[in-house]
Amino acid sequence: MTPLTTAKPTRTPSRDIPGRILVWLGLLAGAAFAGLPVLWMLSSSFKSNQEIFELPPRLLTESFSFDAYLAILGDPSRLRFFTNSYVVAICVTILTLIVAIHAAYAFSRFAFRMKHPLKLLIISVQAVPPITVLIPYFGIIVALKMYDTYPGLIFTYMLFTLPYAIIMMTSYMNSLPRELDEAVRVDGGSSMTALWRVLVPVSVPGIVSVGVYTFMIAWNEYLFALTLTSSESMRTVPIGLQLLMGQHSYEWNEIMAMSILGSIPVLALFLFFQRYFMSGLTSGAVKN
């Protein structure tokens, strides 16, 4: 019987210490650069408008107040912005995932005519700047009588989220062994059985990462939400933030409070599914 050997802890060579210090300084500088605007936004949401612009500026406030949050949460018309964003983002995420999973399964497991031209077409759609199709797309939505409606926004956002979702799901399914679904078909199961009973359960990291990405795009989109809606009852959170800016004065503390409230869903989603998100993004990056 071979005796077990215990690995000796490795010591950090003294020559690596300056390098580690530089790495930590770089990380701290990066964290401060990215986090300071968020901290300032959070701090300003608890201040009065006068205190936000006082000199010298202070990150911590002495007159801590929830008035800005109460003004947002107590106004039904502003809460409507959040409702609209939730409805649109959730519907876009669910529908995009359903379509992307089926399309990725076809691209990953089947050979058919026009397969490669279709993949090139999907990839090329990603390269088209949205602003260039805004005006013709506006005419299409009006002609289809979907202007200022949920279906109009949901259908529009899916056009931008589907290409990336299909590409990402196809890459993830390509990393899964073909024997998994082939065993189901050998036992008499259909392709749909193999997809939903075998591939989908083991594709959770890829599905979650695509879902988080899709939700973020639909939640934050501004340009098409501004163009394809006109009534305040259909406006989303990004447009609601713009409407808080008055003609002669801005309620900066309310704008900051609404920005914080609007950031919470995406931030919570990312933190909760962070492990799956990173796993899904890096799948297929290394070929086994």
Protein backbone atom coordinates (compact mmCIF):
# COMPACT_ATOMS: atom_id res chain seq x y z
CA MET A 1 0.00 0.00 0.00
CA THR A 2 1.45 3.31 -1.05
CA PRO A 3 1.67 5.73 1.87
CA LEU A 4 -0.15 8.99 1.44
CA THR A 5 2.06 12.03 1.11
CA THR A 6 0.96 15.43 2.31
CA ALA A 7 1.71 18.35 0.08
CA LYS A 8 3.82 21.01 1.69
CA PRO A 9 2.35 24.50 1.61
CA THR A 10 4.04 26.60 -0.99
CA ARG A 11 5.60 29.81 0.18
CA THR A 12 5.36 32.99 -1.75
CA PRO A 13 8.78 33.94 -3.08
CA SER A 14 9.85 37.32 -1.84
CA ARG A 15 10.37 38.49 -5.41
CA ASP A 16 6.62 38.03 -6.08
CA ILE A 17 5.56 40.42 -3.32
CA PRO A 18 5.98 43.64 -5.40
CA GLY A 19 3.97 42.02 -8.18
CA ARG A 20 1.17 41.09 -5.79
CA ILE A 21 1.13 44.61 -4.38
CA LEU A 22 0.77 46.02 -7.90
CA VAL A 23 -2.04 43.56 -8.62
CA TRP A 24 -3.91 44.59 -5.45
CA LEU A 25 -3.38 48.29 -6.20
CA GLY A 26 -4.75 47.74 -9.70
CA LEU A 27 -7.76 45.85 -8.35
CA LEU A 28 -8.48 48.54 -5.76
CA ALA A 29 -8.17 51.29 -8.38
CA GLY A 30 -10.51 49.41 -10.71
CA ALA A 31 -13.03 48.79 -7.92
CA ALA A 32 -12.95 52.46 -6.89
CA PHE A 33 -13.35 53.61 -10.51
CA ALA A 34 -16.35 51.34 -11.06
CA GLY A 35 -17.91 51.61 -7.60
CA LEU A 36 -17.57 55.32 -6.79
CA PRO A 37 -20.32 56.49 -9.23
CA VAL A 38 -22.69 53.89 -7.75
CA LEU A 39 -21.84 54.96 -4.18
CA TRP A 40 -22.35 58.62 -5.15
CA MET A 41 -25.71 57.77 -6.73
CA LEU A 42 -26.75 55.86 -3.60
CA SER A 43 -25.61 58.67 -1.33
CA SER A 44 -27.38 61.35 -3.40
CA SER A 45 -30.66 59.44 -3.24
CA PHE A 46 -30.73 60.07 0.54
CA LYS A 47 -29.88 63.79 0.29
CA SER A 48 -31.87 66.90 -0.46
CA ASN A 49 -31.29 68.66 -3.79
CA GLN A 50 -29.45 71.50 -2.03
CA GLU A 51 -27.12 69.10 -0.23
CA ILE A 52 -26.22 67.28 -3.46
CA PHE A 53 -24.61 70.43 -4.89
CA GLU A 54 -23.00 71.84 -1.76
CA LEU A 55 -19.23 72.41 -1.73
CA PRO A 56 -17.10 70.62 -0.77
CA PRO A 57 -19.06 67.52 -1.78
CA ARG A 58 -19.60 64.82 0.85
CA LEU A 59 -20.25 61.14 0.29
CA LEU A 60 -21.98 60.75 3.65
CA THR A 61 -24.98 62.90 4.49
CA GLU A 62 -26.06 64.29 7.85
CA SER A 63 -29.72 64.75 6.82
CA PHE A 64 -30.42 61.14 5.90
CA SER A 65 -33.90 60.98 4.27
CA PHE A 66 -36.11 58.45 2.45
CA ASP A 67 -38.25 61.20 0.91
CA ALA A 68 -37.00 60.55 -2.63
CA TYR A 69 -37.83 56.83 -2.39
CA LEU A 70 -41.24 57.55 -0.88
CA ALA A 71 -41.96 59.99 -3.72
CA ILE A 72 -41.18 57.26 -6.28
CA LEU A 73 -42.89 54.35 -4.54
CA GLY A 74 -45.94 56.42 -3.55
CA ASP A 75 -46.70 57.54 -7.11
CA PRO A 76 -48.77 54.97 -9.10
CA SER A 77 -47.74 56.51 -12.43
CA ARG A 78 -44.06 55.95 -11.61
CA LEU A 79 -44.68 52.43 -10.33
CA ARG A 80 -46.25 51.77 -13.72
CA PHE A 81 -42.81 52.22 -15.32
CA PHE A 82 -41.49 49.31 -13.23
CA THR A 83 -44.53 47.16 -14.02
CA ASN A 84 -44.06 47.73 -17.75
CA SER A 85 -40.34 46.91 -17.55
CA TYR A 86 -41.04 43.70 -15.62
CA VAL A 87 -43.75 42.56 -18.06
CA VAL A 88 -41.64 43.26 -21.14
CA ALA A 89 -38.34 41.92 -19.76
CA ILE A 90 -39.85 38.69 -18.37
CA CYS A 91 -41.84 37.96 -21.55
CA VAL A 92 -38.80 38.67 -23.76
CA THR A 93 -36.62 36.41 -21.61
CA ILE A 94 -39.04 33.47 -21.63
CA LEU A 95 -39.86 33.68 -25.36
CA THR A 96 -36.20 34.21 -26.33
CA LEU A 97 -35.13 31.16 -24.32
CA ILE A 98 -37.81 28.94 -25.86
CA VAL A 99 -36.90 29.93 -29.43
CA ALA A 100 -33.13 29.92 -28.78
CA ILE A 101 -33.13 26.44 -27.21
CA HIS A 102 -34.90 24.90 -30.22
CA ALA A 103 -32.76 26.79 -32.75
CA ALA A 104 -29.55 25.88 -30.91
CA TYR A 105 -30.59 22.22 -30.80
CA ALA A 106 -31.13 22.22 -34.57
CA PHE A 107 -27.80 23.93 -35.29
CA SER A 108 -25.90 21.72 -32.86
CA ARG A 109 -27.31 18.29 -33.64
CA PHE A 110 -28.70 18.26 -37.20
CA ALA A 111 -27.34 18.74 -40.70
CA PHE A 112 -29.68 20.51 -43.10
CA ARG A 113 -29.58 22.76 -46.13
CA MET A 114 -28.82 26.42 -45.60
CA LYS A 115 -27.41 25.66 -42.14
CA HIS A 116 -24.22 27.69 -42.55
CA PRO A 117 -25.84 30.60 -44.46
CA LEU A 118 -28.45 30.82 -41.70
CA LYS A 119 -25.74 30.92 -39.02
CA LEU A 120 -23.91 33.65 -40.93
CA LEU A 121 -27.15 35.61 -41.26
CA ILE A 122 -27.80 35.36 -37.52
CA ILE A 123 -24.25 36.46 -36.70
CA SER A 124 -24.42 39.35 -39.18
CA VAL A 125 -27.60 40.69 -37.54
CA GLN A 126 -25.50 41.35 -34.44
CA ALA A 127 -23.29 43.70 -36.45
CA VAL A 128 -26.16 45.99 -37.54
CA PRO A 129 -26.35 49.17 -35.38
CA PRO A 130 -29.92 49.47 -34.01
CA ILE A 131 -30.11 53.19 -34.87
CA THR A 132 -29.86 52.41 -38.61
CA VAL A 133 -33.07 50.34 -38.61
CA LEU A 134 -35.04 52.55 -36.24
CA ILE A 135 -37.05 54.56 -38.79
CA PRO A 136 -38.03 51.67 -41.15
CA TYR A 137 -38.78 49.49 -38.14
CA PHE A 138 -41.03 52.20 -36.71
CA GLY A 139 -43.08 52.10 -39.93
CA ILE A 140 -43.40 48.31 -39.73
CA ILE A 141 -44.62 48.41 -36.14
CA VAL A 142 -47.20 51.10 -36.98
CA ALA A 143 -48.39 49.12 -40.02
CA LEU A 144 -48.79 46.02 -37.84
CA LYS A 145 -50.80 48.09 -35.31
CA MET A 146 -48.36 47.21 -32.54
CA TYR A 147 -47.35 50.80 -31.78
CA ASP A 148 -47.53 51.66 -28.07
CA THR A 149 -48.30 48.06 -27.06
CA TYR A 150 -46.57 45.29 -25.11
CA PRO A 151 -46.36 42.98 -28.18
CA GLY A 152 -44.59 45.73 -30.12
CA LEU A 153 -41.84 46.11 -27.51
CA ILE A 154 -41.55 42.36 -26.84
CA PHE A 155 -41.29 41.50 -30.55
CA THR A 156 -38.74 44.26 -31.08
CA TYR A 157 -36.48 43.26 -28.21
CA MET A 158 -36.55 39.63 -29.31
CA LEU A 159 -35.08 40.65 -32.67
CA PHE A 160 -32.00 41.94 -30.84
CA THR A 161 -31.69 39.28 -28.15
CA LEU A 162 -32.32 36.17 -30.27
CA PRO A 163 -29.12 36.21 -32.39
CA TYR A 164 -26.82 36.32 -29.39
CA ALA A 165 -29.00 33.82 -27.49
CA ILE A 166 -28.91 31.33 -30.39
CA ILE A 167 -25.15 31.70 -30.84
CA MET A 168 -24.50 31.24 -27.13
CA MET A 169 -26.88 28.27 -26.69
CA THR A 170 -25.46 26.57 -29.79
CA SER A 171 -21.93 26.93 -28.38
CA TYR A 172 -23.07 25.44 -25.08
CA MET A 173 -24.87 22.48 -26.69
CA ASN A 174 -21.83 21.80 -28.88
CA SER A 175 -19.85 21.26 -25.67
CA LEU A 176 -22.26 18.51 -24.52
CA PRO A 177 -21.54 14.89 -25.59
CA ARG A 178 -23.75 13.73 -28.45
CA GLU A 179 -24.09 10.36 -26.70
CA LEU A 180 -26.48 11.94 -24.20
CA ASP A 181 -29.31 12.57 -26.63
CA GLU A 182 -28.38 9.76 -29.02
CA ALA A 183 -29.02 7.23 -26.22
CA VAL A 184 -32.59 8.56 -25.88
CA ARG A 185 -33.22 8.23 -29.60
CA VAL A 186 -31.75 4.69 -29.63
CA ASP A 187 -34.28 3.76 -26.93
CA GLY A 188 -37.11 5.03 -29.14
CA GLY A 189 -37.42 8.54 -27.77
CA SER A 190 -38.07 11.46 -30.10
CA SER A 191 -35.77 14.38 -30.68
CA MET A 192 -37.98 16.59 -28.53
CA THR A 193 -37.77 14.03 -25.71
CA ALA A 194 -33.99 14.04 -25.95
CA LEU A 195 -33.95 17.84 -25.94
CA TRP A 196 -36.28 18.51 -23.00
CA ARG A 197 -35.47 15.47 -20.82
CA VAL A 198 -31.72 15.25 -21.34
CA LEU A 199 -30.11 18.32 -22.90
CA VAL A 200 -32.15 21.07 -21.23
CA PRO A 201 -31.56 19.80 -17.65
CA VAL A 202 -27.78 19.65 -18.21
CA SER A 203 -27.77 23.02 -20.00
CA VAL A 204 -28.89 25.03 -16.96
CA PRO A 205 -25.70 27.20 -16.80
CA GLY A 206 -26.05 28.12 -20.47
CA ILE A 207 -29.81 28.77 -20.16
CA VAL A 208 -29.32 30.92 -17.05
CA SER A 209 -26.54 32.99 -18.62
CA VAL A 210 -28.62 33.59 -21.75
CA GLY A 211 -31.67 34.44 -19.61
CA VAL A 212 -29.74 36.95 -17.47
CA TYR A 213 -28.24 38.59 -20.56
CA THR A 214 -31.63 38.80 -22.27
CA PHE A 215 -33.31 40.26 -19.17
CA MET A 216 -30.57 42.89 -18.85
CA ILE A 217 -30.94 43.96 -22.50
CA ALA A 218 -34.74 44.20 -22.30
CA TRP A 219 -34.67 46.00 -18.93
CA ASN A 220 -32.12 48.64 -19.95
CA GLU A 221 -33.17 49.31 -23.55
CA TYR A 222 -33.96 52.99 -24.19
CA LEU A 223 -33.95 53.90 -27.88
CA PHE A 224 -36.78 51.66 -29.14
CA ALA A 225 -38.80 52.08 -25.94
CA LEU A 226 -38.75 55.84 -26.56
CA THR A 227 -39.67 55.51 -30.25
CA LEU A 228 -42.28 52.76 -30.12
CA THR A 229 -44.33 54.07 -27.17
CA SER A 230 -46.13 57.36 -26.66
CA SER A 231 -48.41 57.05 -23.62
CA GLU A 232 -47.03 57.17 -20.08
CA SER A 233 -48.93 53.97 -19.30
CA MET A 234 -46.58 52.09 -21.66
CA ARG A 235 -43.29 53.75 -20.72
CA THR A 236 -40.52 51.67 -19.16
CA VAL A 237 -38.01 52.53 -16.41
CA PRO A 238 -35.33 54.12 -18.71
CA ILE A 239 -37.96 56.44 -20.20
CA GLY A 240 -39.41 57.08 -16.73
CA LEU A 241 -36.01 58.36 -15.62
CA GLN A 242 -36.00 60.84 -18.48
CA LEU A 243 -39.51 62.01 -17.59
CA LEU A 244 -38.29 62.93 -14.10
CA MET A 245 -36.25 65.72 -15.67
CA GLY A 246 -38.41 68.82 -15.65
CA GLN A 247 -38.21 71.74 -18.07
CA HIS A 248 -36.69 74.17 -15.56
CA SER A 249 -35.49 72.03 -12.64
CA TYR A 250 -34.37 68.50 -11.95
CA GLU A 251 -35.27 66.48 -8.85
CA TRP A 252 -31.85 64.88 -8.66
CA ASN A 253 -32.50 62.94 -5.46
CA GLU A 254 -35.61 61.33 -7.04
CA ILE A 255 -33.69 60.57 -10.23
CA MET A 256 -30.97 58.88 -8.16
CA ALA A 257 -33.56 56.98 -6.09
CA MET A 258 -35.28 55.70 -9.24
CA SER A 259 -31.90 54.75 -10.71
CA ILE A 260 -31.14 52.69 -7.60
CA LEU A 261 -34.57 51.03 -7.69
CA GLY A 262 -34.15 50.35 -11.41
CA SER A 263 -30.73 48.76 -10.85
CA ILE A 264 -31.88 46.35 -8.14
CA PRO A 265 -33.56 43.69 -10.39
CA VAL A 266 -30.59 43.35 -12.73
CA LEU A 267 -28.06 43.45 -9.89
CA ALA A 268 -29.95 40.87 -7.84
CA LEU A 269 -30.36 38.61 -10.86
CA PHE A 270 -26.67 38.78 -11.66
CA LEU A 271 -25.53 38.17 -8.07
CA PHE A 272 -27.97 35.28 -7.55
CA PHE A 273 -27.02 33.50 -10.77
CA GLN A 274 -23.37 34.63 -10.92
CA ARG A 275 -21.97 31.10 -10.77
CA TYR A 276 -24.18 29.87 -13.62
CA PHE A 277 -23.63 33.08 -15.59
CA MET A 278 -19.83 32.77 -15.62
CA SER A 279 -20.00 29.06 -16.35
CA GLY A 280 -22.37 29.60 -19.26
CA LEU A 281 -20.29 32.41 -20.74
CA THR A 282 -17.07 30.37 -20.71
CA SER A 283 -18.57 27.10 -21.98
CA GLY A 284 -17.11 26.01 -25.27
CA ALA A 285 -14.18 28.39 -24.88
CA VAL A 286 -11.84 25.40 -24.47
CA LYS A 287 -12.26 22.46 -26.83
CA ASN A 288 -11.91 19.11 -25.08
